[in-house]
Amino acid sequence: MPVYGGCGGIIGYDTKQPGTYHKSGAWVIASYKTKYNIEPVVKFDTYDSDHAARYTRVNNYTLGFNYYVNDYSRIQFNYVTVRESREFLNDMIMIQVQAKF
């Protein structure tokens, strides 16, 4: 069994030849920064890793907000519900702190 790398490459041996499978994805996002330094965010993204294979489509629905502490840092709060061709319980709550130096 091959080991898949984080950038979509296969480490070890190839199970498919280049050009023998097709993948696709898309996303749309909407946000608005208010005068209170809060930015509500909604996002939808979809990805199909192989059109010829079954159970490869994943749809993510994200609802969250960013809080801008100052001009150099923000805190992100997101809830992501994941809808796959085969249902798994893998929704996520994500919190991220970001700082600019």
PDB file of N, CA and C in Angstrom:
ATOM      1  N   MET A   1       0.854  -1.182   0.000  1.00  0.00           N
ATOM      2  CA  MET A   1       0.000   0.000   0.000  1.00  0.00           C
ATOM      3  C   MET A   1       0.895   1.239   0.000  1.00  0.00           C
ATOM      4  N   PRO A   2       0.627   2.178  -0.900  1.00  0.00           N
ATOM      5  CA  PRO A   2       1.453   3.392  -0.959  1.00  0.00           C
ATOM      6  C   PRO A   2       1.136   4.346   0.181  1.00  0.00           C
ATOM      7  N   VAL A   3       2.075   5.205   0.477  1.00  0.00           N
ATOM      8  CA  VAL A   3       1.879   6.241   1.468  1.00  0.00           C
ATOM      9  C   VAL A   3       1.702   7.558   0.718  1.00  0.00           C
ATOM     10  N   TYR A   4       0.616   8.263   0.992  1.00  0.00           N
ATOM     11  CA  TYR A   4       0.317   9.495   0.283  1.00  0.00           C
ATOM     12  C   TYR A   4       0.933  10.679   1.008  1.00  0.00           C
ATOM     13  N   GLY A   5       1.595  11.560   0.271  1.00  0.00           N
ATOM     14  CA  GLY A   5       2.202  12.755   0.832  1.00  0.00           C
ATOM     15  C   GLY A   5       1.180  13.849   1.019  1.00  0.00           C
ATOM     16  N   GLY A   6       1.518  14.874   1.766  1.00  0.00           N
ATOM     17  CA  GLY A   6       0.606  15.963   2.069  1.00  0.00           C
ATOM     18  C   GLY A   6       0.252  16.835   0.879  1.00  0.00           C
ATOM     19  N   CYS A   7       1.032  16.791  -0.180  1.00  0.00           N
ATOM     20  CA  CYS A   7       0.748  17.619  -1.358  1.00  0.00           C
ATOM     21  C   CYS A   7       0.122  16.818  -2.477  1.00  0.00           C
ATOM     22  N   GLY A   8      -0.418  15.647  -2.196  1.00  0.00           N
ATOM     23  CA  GLY A   8      -1.100  14.862  -3.200  1.00  0.00           C
ATOM     24  C   GLY A   8      -0.210  13.876  -3.920  1.00  0.00           C
ATOM     25  N   GLY A   9       1.080  13.861  -3.634  1.00  0.00           N
ATOM     26  CA  GLY A   9       1.982  12.922  -4.285  1.00  0.00           C
ATOM     27  C   GLY A   9       1.967  11.573  -3.598  1.00  0.00           C
ATOM     28  N   ILE A  10       2.428  10.571  -4.303  1.00  0.00           N
ATOM     29  CA  ILE A  10       2.494   9.232  -3.738  1.00  0.00           C
ATOM     30  C   ILE A  10       3.958   8.927  -3.435  1.00  0.00           C
ATOM     31  N   ILE A  11       4.224   8.527  -2.214  1.00  0.00           N
ATOM     32  CA  ILE A  11       5.581   8.178  -1.790  1.00  0.00           C
ATOM     33  C   ILE A  11       5.668   6.661  -1.811  1.00  0.00           C
ATOM     34  N   GLY A  12       6.673   6.124  -2.394  1.00  0.00           N
ATOM     35  CA  GLY A  12       6.790   4.673  -2.479  1.00  0.00           C
ATOM     36  C   GLY A  12       6.603   4.254  -3.924  1.00  0.00           C
ATOM     37  N   TYR A  13       5.484   3.644  -4.236  1.00  0.00           N
ATOM     38  CA  TYR A  13       5.241   3.234  -5.615  1.00  0.00           C
ATOM     39  C   TYR A  13       3.914   3.808  -6.094  1.00  0.00           C
ATOM     40  N   ASP A  14       3.808   3.994  -7.398  1.00  0.00           N
ATOM     41  CA  ASP A  14       2.591   4.560  -7.993  1.00  0.00           C
ATOM     42  C   ASP A  14       1.566   3.464  -8.231  1.00  0.00           C
ATOM     43  N   THR A  15       0.342   3.720  -7.831  1.00  0.00           N
ATOM     44  CA  THR A  15      -0.739   2.776  -8.100  1.00  0.00           C
ATOM     45  C   THR A  15      -1.515   3.171  -9.348  1.00  0.00           C
ATOM     46  N   LYS A  16      -1.369   4.410  -9.791  1.00  0.00           N
ATOM     47  CA  LYS A  16      -2.041   4.904 -10.986  1.00  0.00           C
ATOM     48  C   LYS A  16      -1.031   5.674 -11.819  1.00  0.00           C
ATOM     49  N   GLN A  17      -1.193   5.609 -13.104  1.00  0.00           N
ATOM     50  CA  GLN A  17      -0.316   6.338 -13.999  1.00  0.00           C
ATOM     51  C   GLN A  17      -0.836   7.761 -14.168  1.00  0.00           C
ATOM     52  N   PRO A  18       0.035   8.727 -14.365  1.00  0.00           N
ATOM     53  CA  PRO A  18      -0.409  10.099 -14.594  1.00  0.00           C
ATOM     54  C   PRO A  18      -1.370  10.166 -15.782  1.00  0.00           C
ATOM     55  N   GLY A  19      -2.436  10.938 -15.602  1.00  0.00           N
ATOM     56  CA  GLY A  19      -3.427  11.094 -16.658  1.00  0.00           C
ATOM     57  C   GLY A  19      -4.519  10.050 -16.672  1.00  0.00           C
ATOM     58  N   THR A  20      -4.461   9.061 -15.773  1.00  0.00           N
ATOM     59  CA  THR A  20      -5.487   8.012 -15.773  1.00  0.00           C
ATOM     60  C   THR A  20      -6.630   8.303 -14.811  1.00  0.00           C
ATOM     61  N   TYR A  21      -6.561   9.365 -14.067  1.00  0.00           N
ATOM     62  CA  TYR A  21      -7.678   9.732 -13.198  1.00  0.00           C
ATOM     63  C   TYR A  21      -7.846  11.242 -13.191  1.00  0.00           C
ATOM     64  N   HIS A  22      -9.078  11.677 -12.911  1.00  0.00           N
ATOM     65  CA  HIS A  22      -9.409  13.095 -12.942  1.00  0.00           C
ATOM     66  C   HIS A  22      -9.981  13.501 -11.594  1.00  0.00           C
ATOM     67  N   LYS A  23      -9.542  14.643 -11.096  1.00  0.00           N
ATOM     68  CA  LYS A  23     -10.018  15.155  -9.820  1.00  0.00           C
ATOM     69  C   LYS A  23     -10.515  16.571 -10.033  1.00  0.00           C
ATOM     70  N   SER A  24     -11.349  17.038  -9.114  1.00  0.00           N
ATOM     71  CA  SER A  24     -11.867  18.399  -9.233  1.00  0.00           C
ATOM     72  C   SER A  24     -12.230  18.921  -7.855  1.00  0.00           C
ATOM     73  N   GLY A  25     -12.295  20.233  -7.748  1.00  0.00           N
ATOM     74  CA  GLY A  25     -12.678  20.858  -6.501  1.00  0.00           C
ATOM     75  C   GLY A  25     -13.040  22.312  -6.730  1.00  0.00           C
ATOM     76  N   ALA A  26     -13.762  22.864  -5.783  1.00  0.00           N
ATOM     77  CA  ALA A  26     -14.155  24.270  -5.856  1.00  0.00           C
ATOM     78  C   ALA A  26     -14.504  24.749  -4.456  1.00  0.00           C
ATOM     79  N   TRP A  27     -14.474  26.079  -4.257  1.00  0.00           N
ATOM     80  CA  TRP A  27     -14.890  26.636  -2.977  1.00  0.00           C
ATOM     81  C   TRP A  27     -15.439  28.030  -3.201  1.00  0.00           C
ATOM     82  N   VAL A  28     -16.289  28.438  -2.262  1.00  0.00           N
ATOM     83  CA  VAL A  28     -16.816  29.798  -2.250  1.00  0.00           C
ATOM     84  C   VAL A  28     -16.867  30.237  -0.783  1.00  0.00           C
ATOM     85  N   ILE A  29     -16.531  31.509  -0.547  1.00  0.00           N
ATOM     86  CA  ILE A  29     -16.476  32.021   0.827  1.00  0.00           C
ATOM     87  C   ILE A  29     -17.084  33.418   0.852  1.00  0.00           C
ATOM     88  N   ALA A  30     -17.752  33.732   1.948  1.00  0.00           N
ATOM     89  CA  ALA A  30     -18.307  35.071   2.143  1.00  0.00           C
ATOM     90  C   ALA A  30     -17.975  35.521   3.564  1.00  0.00           C
ATOM     91  N   SER A  31     -17.544  36.777   3.686  1.00  0.00           N
ATOM     92  CA  SER A  31     -17.226  37.332   5.007  1.00  0.00           C
ATOM     93  C   SER A  31     -17.420  38.836   4.959  1.00  0.00           C
ATOM     94  N   TYR A  32     -17.558  39.423   6.156  1.00  0.00           N
ATOM     95  CA  TYR A  32     -17.722  40.874   6.260  1.00  0.00           C
ATOM     96  C   TYR A  32     -17.152  41.325   7.601  1.00  0.00           C
ATOM     97  N   LYS A  33     -16.167  42.216   7.568  1.00  0.00           N
ATOM     98  CA  LYS A  33     -15.562  42.707   8.809  1.00  0.00           C
ATOM     99  C   LYS A  33     -16.381  43.881   9.345  1.00  0.00           C
ATOM    100  N   THR A  34     -16.886  43.737  10.569  1.00  0.00           N
ATOM    101  CA  THR A  34     -17.706  44.770  11.191  1.00  0.00           C
ATOM    102  C   THR A  34     -16.828  45.791  11.909  1.00  0.00           C
ATOM    103  N   LYS A  35     -17.439  46.869  12.356  1.00  0.00           N
ATOM    104  CA  LYS A  35     -16.682  47.896  13.083  1.00  0.00           C
ATOM    105  C   LYS A  35     -16.258  47.430  14.473  1.00  0.00           C
ATOM    106  N   TYR A  36     -16.762  46.279  14.927  1.00  0.00           N
ATOM    107  CA  TYR A  36     -16.413  45.724  16.238  1.00  0.00           C
ATOM    108  C   TYR A  36     -15.248  44.733  16.147  1.00  0.00           C
ATOM    109  N   ASN A  37     -14.544  44.715  15.017  1.00  0.00           N
ATOM    110  CA  ASN A  37     -13.414  43.815  14.768  1.00  0.00           C
ATOM    111  C   ASN A  37     -13.816  42.342  14.733  1.00  0.00           C
ATOM    112  N   ILE A  38     -15.080  42.070  14.433  1.00  0.00           N
ATOM    113  CA  ILE A  38     -15.562  40.704  14.276  1.00  0.00           C
ATOM    114  C   ILE A  38     -15.921  40.502  12.809  1.00  0.00           C
ATOM    115  N   GLU A  39     -15.528  39.378  12.268  1.00  0.00           N
ATOM    116  CA  GLU A  39     -15.777  39.071  10.866  1.00  0.00           C
ATOM    117  C   GLU A  39     -16.482  37.711  10.749  1.00  0.00           C
ATOM    118  N   PRO A  40     -17.815  37.698  10.575  1.00  0.00           N
ATOM    119  CA  PRO A  40     -18.500  36.421  10.353  1.00  0.00           C
ATOM    120  C   PRO A  40     -18.075  35.835   9.004  1.00  0.00           C
ATOM    121  N   VAL A  41     -17.976  34.499   8.957  1.00  0.00           N
ATOM    122  CA  VAL A  41     -17.507  33.816   7.759  1.00  0.00           C
ATOM    123  C   VAL A  41     -18.380  32.592   7.491  1.00  0.00           C
ATOM    124  N   VAL A  42     -18.778  32.406   6.227  1.00  0.00           N
ATOM    125  CA  VAL A  42     -19.405  31.164   5.775  1.00  0.00           C
ATOM    126  C   VAL A  42     -18.624  30.688   4.555  1.00  0.00           C
ATOM    127  N   LYS A  43     -18.442  29.377   4.468  1.00  0.00           N
ATOM    128  CA  LYS A  43     -17.637  28.820   3.375  1.00  0.00           C
ATOM    129  C   LYS A  43     -18.198  27.466   2.985  1.00  0.00           C
ATOM    130  N   PHE A  44     -18.154  27.174   1.693  1.00  0.00           N
ATOM    131  CA  PHE A  44     -18.481  25.849   1.170  1.00  0.00           C
ATOM    132  C   PHE A  44     -17.335  25.412   0.278  1.00  0.00           C
ATOM    133  N   ASP A  45     -16.851  24.195   0.464  1.00  0.00           N
ATOM    134  CA  ASP A  45     -15.864  23.656  -0.462  1.00  0.00           C
ATOM    135  C   ASP A  45     -16.185  22.198  -0.772  1.00  0.00           C
ATOM    136  N   THR A  46     -15.840  21.798  -1.976  1.00  0.00           N
ATOM    137  CA  THR A  46     -16.097  20.437  -2.438  1.00  0.00           C
ATOM    138  C   THR A  46     -14.850  19.920  -3.146  1.00  0.00           C
ATOM    139  N   TYR A  47     -14.601  18.616  -3.023  1.00  0.00           N
ATOM    140  CA  TYR A  47     -13.431  18.004  -3.638  1.00  0.00           C
ATOM    141  C   TYR A  47     -13.753  16.566  -3.995  1.00  0.00           C
ATOM    142  N   ASP A  48     -13.438  16.186  -5.213  1.00  0.00           N
ATOM    143  CA  ASP A  48     -13.570  14.803  -5.668  1.00  0.00           C
ATOM    144  C   ASP A  48     -12.181  14.360  -6.108  1.00  0.00           C
ATOM    145  N   SER A  49     -11.595  13.416  -5.391  1.00  0.00           N
ATOM    146  CA  SER A  49     -10.211  13.022  -5.647  1.00  0.00           C
ATOM    147  C   SER A  49     -10.061  12.091  -6.850  1.00  0.00           C
ATOM    148  N   ASP A  50     -11.145  11.462  -7.298  1.00  0.00           N
ATOM    149  CA  ASP A  50     -11.067  10.568  -8.462  1.00  0.00           C
ATOM    150  C   ASP A  50     -12.471  10.358  -9.013  1.00  0.00           C
ATOM    151  N   HIS A  51     -12.764  10.941 -10.174  1.00  0.00           N
ATOM    152  CA  HIS A  51     -14.108  10.850 -10.747  1.00  0.00           C
ATOM    153  C   HIS A  51     -14.507   9.413 -11.087  1.00  0.00           C
ATOM    154  N   ALA A  52     -13.557   8.556 -11.407  1.00  0.00           N
ATOM    155  CA  ALA A  52     -13.874   7.192 -11.799  1.00  0.00           C
ATOM    156  C   ALA A  52     -14.160   6.279 -10.610  1.00  0.00           C
ATOM    157  N   ALA A  53     -13.725   6.666  -9.423  1.00  0.00           N
ATOM    158  CA  ALA A  53     -13.914   5.832  -8.234  1.00  0.00           C
ATOM    159  C   ALA A  53     -15.155   6.271  -7.468  1.00  0.00           C
ATOM    160  N   ARG A  54     -15.749   5.340  -6.757  1.00  0.00           N
ATOM    161  CA  ARG A  54     -16.903   5.654  -5.927  1.00  0.00           C
ATOM    162  C   ARG A  54     -16.456   6.168  -4.566  1.00  0.00           C
ATOM    163  N   TYR A  55     -17.323   6.929  -3.941  1.00  0.00           N
ATOM    164  CA  TYR A  55     -17.116   7.396  -2.558  1.00  0.00           C
ATOM    165  C   TYR A  55     -15.880   8.284  -2.400  1.00  0.00           C
ATOM    166  N   THR A  56     -15.645   9.173  -3.347  1.00  0.00           N
ATOM    167  CA  THR A  56     -14.464  10.031  -3.246  1.00  0.00           C
ATOM    168  C   THR A  56     -14.810  11.503  -3.083  1.00  0.00           C
ATOM    169  N   ARG A  57     -16.082  11.876  -3.127  1.00  0.00           N
ATOM    170  CA  ARG A  57     -16.486  13.277  -2.992  1.00  0.00           C
ATOM    171  C   ARG A  57     -16.585  13.652  -1.519  1.00  0.00           C
ATOM    172  N   VAL A  58     -16.061  14.845  -1.178  1.00  0.00           N
ATOM    173  CA  VAL A  58     -16.151  15.396   0.175  1.00  0.00           C
ATOM    174  C   VAL A  58     -16.646  16.839   0.057  1.00  0.00           C
ATOM    175  N   ASN A  59     -17.700  17.182   0.787  1.00  0.00           N
ATOM    176  CA  ASN A  59     -18.224  18.545   0.862  1.00  0.00           C
ATOM    177  C   ASN A  59     -18.048  19.050   2.289  1.00  0.00           C
ATOM    178  N   ASN A  60     -17.497  20.246   2.442  1.00  0.00           N
ATOM    179  CA  ASN A  60     -17.315  20.861   3.758  1.00  0.00           C
ATOM    180  C   ASN A  60     -18.125  22.145   3.834  1.00  0.00           C
ATOM    181  N   TYR A  61     -18.859  22.309   4.919  1.00  0.00           N
ATOM    182  CA  TYR A  61     -19.621  23.521   5.191  1.00  0.00           C
ATOM    183  C   TYR A  61     -19.040  24.141   6.450  1.00  0.00           C
ATOM    184  N   THR A  62     -18.563  25.381   6.350  1.00  0.00           N
ATOM    185  CA  THR A  62     -17.906  26.055   7.472  1.00  0.00           C
ATOM    186  C   THR A  62     -18.710  27.280   7.890  1.00  0.00           C
ATOM    187  N   LEU A  63     -18.902  27.414   9.185  1.00  0.00           N
ATOM    188  CA  LEU A  63     -19.545  28.577   9.775  1.00  0.00           C
ATOM    189  C   LEU A  63     -18.645  29.032  10.915  1.00  0.00           C
ATOM    190  N   GLY A  64     -18.276  30.309  10.926  1.00  0.00           N
ATOM    191  CA  GLY A  64     -17.376  30.774  11.979  1.00  0.00           C
ATOM    192  C   GLY A  64     -17.231  32.272  11.979  1.00  0.00           C
ATOM    193  N   PHE A  65     -16.256  32.719  12.752  1.00  0.00           N
ATOM    194  CA  PHE A  65     -15.956  34.146  12.779  1.00  0.00           C
ATOM    195  C   PHE A  65     -14.498  34.354  13.157  1.00  0.00           C
ATOM    196  N   ASN A  66     -13.987  35.491  12.730  1.00  0.00           N
ATOM    197  CA  ASN A  66     -12.647  35.947  13.095  1.00  0.00           C
ATOM    198  C   ASN A  66     -12.800  37.136  14.031  1.00  0.00           C
ATOM    199  N   TYR A  67     -11.985  37.158  15.065  1.00  0.00           N
ATOM    200  CA  TYR A  67     -11.943  38.307  15.960  1.00  0.00           C
ATOM    201  C   TYR A  67     -10.551  38.919  15.841  1.00  0.00           C
ATOM    202  N   TYR A  68     -10.501  40.163  15.398  1.00  0.00           N
ATOM    203  CA  TYR A  68      -9.230  40.873  15.228  1.00  0.00           C
ATOM    204  C   TYR A  68      -8.888  41.585  16.534  1.00  0.00           C
ATOM    205  N   VAL A  69      -7.904  41.052  17.248  1.00  0.00           N
ATOM    206  CA  VAL A  69      -7.481  41.604  18.531  1.00  0.00           C
ATOM    207  C   VAL A  69      -6.854  42.977  18.317  1.00  0.00           C
ATOM    208  N   ASN A  70      -6.002  43.085  17.304  1.00  0.00           N
ATOM    209  CA  ASN A  70      -5.376  44.346  16.905  1.00  0.00           C
ATOM    210  C   ASN A  70      -4.953  44.202  15.446  1.00  0.00           C
ATOM    211  N   ASP A  71      -4.140  45.126  14.949  1.00  0.00           N
ATOM    212  CA  ASP A  71      -3.712  45.063  13.547  1.00  0.00           C
ATOM    213  C   ASP A  71      -2.755  43.909  13.261  1.00  0.00           C
ATOM    214  N   TYR A  72      -2.256  43.257  14.306  1.00  0.00           N
ATOM    215  CA  TYR A  72      -1.237  42.235  14.130  1.00  0.00           C
ATOM    216  C   TYR A  72      -1.668  40.833  14.552  1.00  0.00           C
ATOM    217  N   SER A  73      -2.865  40.660  15.043  1.00  0.00           N
ATOM    218  CA  SER A  73      -3.280  39.329  15.495  1.00  0.00           C
ATOM    219  C   SER A  73      -4.795  39.150  15.395  1.00  0.00           C
ATOM    220  N   ARG A  74      -5.184  37.903  15.229  1.00  0.00           N
ATOM    221  CA  ARG A  74      -6.609  37.559  15.183  1.00  0.00           C
ATOM    222  C   ARG A  74      -6.809  36.157  15.734  1.00  0.00           C
ATOM    223  N   ILE A  75      -8.036  35.891  16.134  1.00  0.00           N
ATOM    224  CA  ILE A  75      -8.443  34.571  16.608  1.00  0.00           C
ATOM    225  C   ILE A  75      -9.568  34.109  15.699  1.00  0.00           C
ATOM    226  N   GLN A  76      -9.451  32.878  15.202  1.00  0.00           N
ATOM    227  CA  GLN A  76     -10.469  32.314  14.326  1.00  0.00           C
ATOM    228  C   GLN A  76     -11.204  31.194  15.058  1.00  0.00           C
ATOM    229  N   PHE A  77     -12.523  31.210  14.967  1.00  0.00           N
ATOM    230  CA  PHE A  77     -13.371  30.153  15.513  1.00  0.00           C
ATOM    231  C   PHE A  77     -14.199  29.604  14.356  1.00  0.00           C
ATOM    232  N   ASN A  78     -14.126  28.296  14.105  1.00  0.00           N
ATOM    233  CA  ASN A  78     -14.863  27.693  13.003  1.00  0.00           C
ATOM    234  C   ASN A  78     -15.499  26.378  13.418  1.00  0.00           C
ATOM    235  N   TYR A  79     -16.702  26.144  12.909  1.00  0.00           N
ATOM    236  CA  TYR A  79     -17.336  24.829  12.984  1.00  0.00           C
ATOM    237  C   TYR A  79     -17.465  24.320  11.557  1.00  0.00           C
ATOM    238  N   VAL A  80     -16.945  23.136  11.294  1.00  0.00           N
ATOM    239  CA  VAL A  80     -16.969  22.557   9.955  1.00  0.00           C
ATOM    240  C   VAL A  80     -17.748  21.254  10.006  1.00  0.00           C
ATOM    241  N   THR A  81     -18.798  21.169   9.188  1.00  0.00           N
ATOM    242  CA  THR A  81     -19.504  19.903   9.049  1.00  0.00           C
ATOM    243  C   THR A  81     -19.040  19.279   7.736  1.00  0.00           C
ATOM    244  N   VAL A  82     -18.611  18.035   7.813  1.00  0.00           N
ATOM    245  CA  VAL A  82     -18.027  17.330   6.681  1.00  0.00           C
ATOM    246  C   VAL A  82     -19.042  16.324   6.168  1.00  0.00           C
ATOM    247  N   ARG A  83     -19.351  16.404   4.879  1.00  0.00           N
ATOM    248  CA  ARG A  83     -20.276  15.464   4.241  1.00  0.00           C
ATOM    249  C   ARG A  83     -19.509  14.695   3.185  1.00  0.00           C
ATOM    250  N   GLU A  84     -19.369  13.396   3.422  1.00  0.00           N
ATOM    251  CA  GLU A  84     -18.648  12.546   2.497  1.00  0.00           C
ATOM    252  C   GLU A  84     -19.609  11.581   1.820  1.00  0.00           C
ATOM    253  N   SER A  85     -19.148  10.946   0.742  1.00  0.00           N
ATOM    254  CA  SER A  85     -19.968   9.960   0.051  1.00  0.00           C
ATOM    255  C   SER A  85     -20.337   8.818   0.992  1.00  0.00           C
ATOM    256  N   ARG A  86     -19.427   8.457   1.846  1.00  0.00           N
ATOM    257  CA  ARG A  86     -19.703   7.508   2.931  1.00  0.00           C
ATOM    258  C   ARG A  86     -19.670   8.315   4.216  1.00  0.00           C
ATOM    259  N   GLU A  87     -20.761   8.309   4.945  1.00  0.00           N
ATOM    260  CA  GLU A  87     -20.870   9.172   6.129  1.00  0.00           C
ATOM    261  C   GLU A  87     -20.007   8.666   7.286  1.00  0.00           C
ATOM    262  N   PHE A  88     -19.230   9.568   7.829  1.00  0.00           N
ATOM    263  CA  PHE A  88     -18.439   9.337   9.029  1.00  0.00           C
ATOM    264  C   PHE A  88     -18.723  10.489   9.986  1.00  0.00           C
ATOM    265  N   LEU A  89     -18.575  10.256  11.264  1.00  0.00           N
ATOM    266  CA  LEU A  89     -18.731  11.316  12.245  1.00  0.00           C
ATOM    267  C   LEU A  89     -17.382  12.009  12.392  1.00  0.00           C
ATOM    268  N   ASN A  90     -17.185  13.067  11.617  1.00  0.00           N
ATOM    269  CA  ASN A  90     -15.891  13.741  11.650  1.00  0.00           C
ATOM    270  C   ASN A  90     -16.028  15.250  11.501  1.00  0.00           C
ATOM    271  N   ASP A  91     -17.105  15.827  12.032  1.00  0.00           N
ATOM    272  CA  ASP A  91     -17.231  17.280  12.052  1.00  0.00           C
ATOM    273  C   ASP A  91     -16.152  17.854  12.976  1.00  0.00           C
ATOM    274  N   MET A  92     -15.839  19.141  12.780  1.00  0.00           N
ATOM    275  CA  MET A  92     -14.710  19.728  13.508  1.00  0.00           C
ATOM    276  C   MET A  92     -15.081  21.070  14.120  1.00  0.00           C
ATOM    277  N   ILE A  93     -14.507  21.358  15.255  1.00  0.00           N
ATOM    278  CA  ILE A  93     -14.485  22.698  15.836  1.00  0.00           C
ATOM    279  C   ILE A  93     -13.021  23.102  15.852  1.00  0.00           C
ATOM    280  N   MET A  94     -12.729  24.230  15.209  1.00  0.00           N
ATOM    281  CA  MET A  94     -11.335  24.650  15.086  1.00  0.00           C
ATOM    282  C   MET A  94     -11.158  26.048  15.656  1.00  0.00           C
ATOM    283  N   ILE A  95     -10.088  26.220  16.403  1.00  0.00           N
ATOM    284  CA  ILE A  95      -9.703  27.531  16.943  1.00  0.00           C
ATOM    285  C   ILE A  95      -8.244  27.752  16.541  1.00  0.00           C
ATOM    286  N   GLN A  96      -7.984  28.923  15.992  1.00  0.00           N
ATOM    287  CA  GLN A  96      -6.620  29.243  15.555  1.00  0.00           C
ATOM    288  C   GLN A  96      -6.275  30.658  15.994  1.00  0.00           C
ATOM    289  N   VAL A  97      -5.096  30.830  16.513  1.00  0.00           N
ATOM    290  CA  VAL A  97      -4.573  32.146  16.873  1.00  0.00           C
ATOM    291  C   VAL A  97      -3.491  32.471  15.857  1.00  0.00           C
ATOM    292  N   GLN A  98      -3.582  33.651  15.269  1.00  0.00           N
ATOM    293  CA  GLN A  98      -2.631  34.041  14.233  1.00  0.00           C
ATOM    294  C   GLN A  98      -2.028  35.396  14.597  1.00  0.00           C
ATOM    295  N   ALA A  99      -0.697  35.486  14.471  1.00  0.00           N
ATOM    296  CA  ALA A  99       0.009  36.743  14.785  1.00  0.00           C
ATOM    297  C   ALA A  99       0.965  37.074  13.656  1.00  0.00           C
ATOM    298  N   LYS A 100       1.126  38.350  13.410  1.00  0.00           N
ATOM    299  CA  LYS A 100       2.027  38.839  12.374  1.00  0.00           C
ATOM    300  C   LYS A 100       3.175  39.580  13.057  1.00  0.00           C
ATOM    301  N   PHE A 101       4.384  39.250  12.687  1.00  0.00           N
ATOM    302  CA  PHE A 101       5.568  39.897  13.275  1.00  0.00           C
ATOM    303  C   PHE A 101       6.259  40.765  12.255  1.00  0.00           C
TER     304      PHE A 101
END
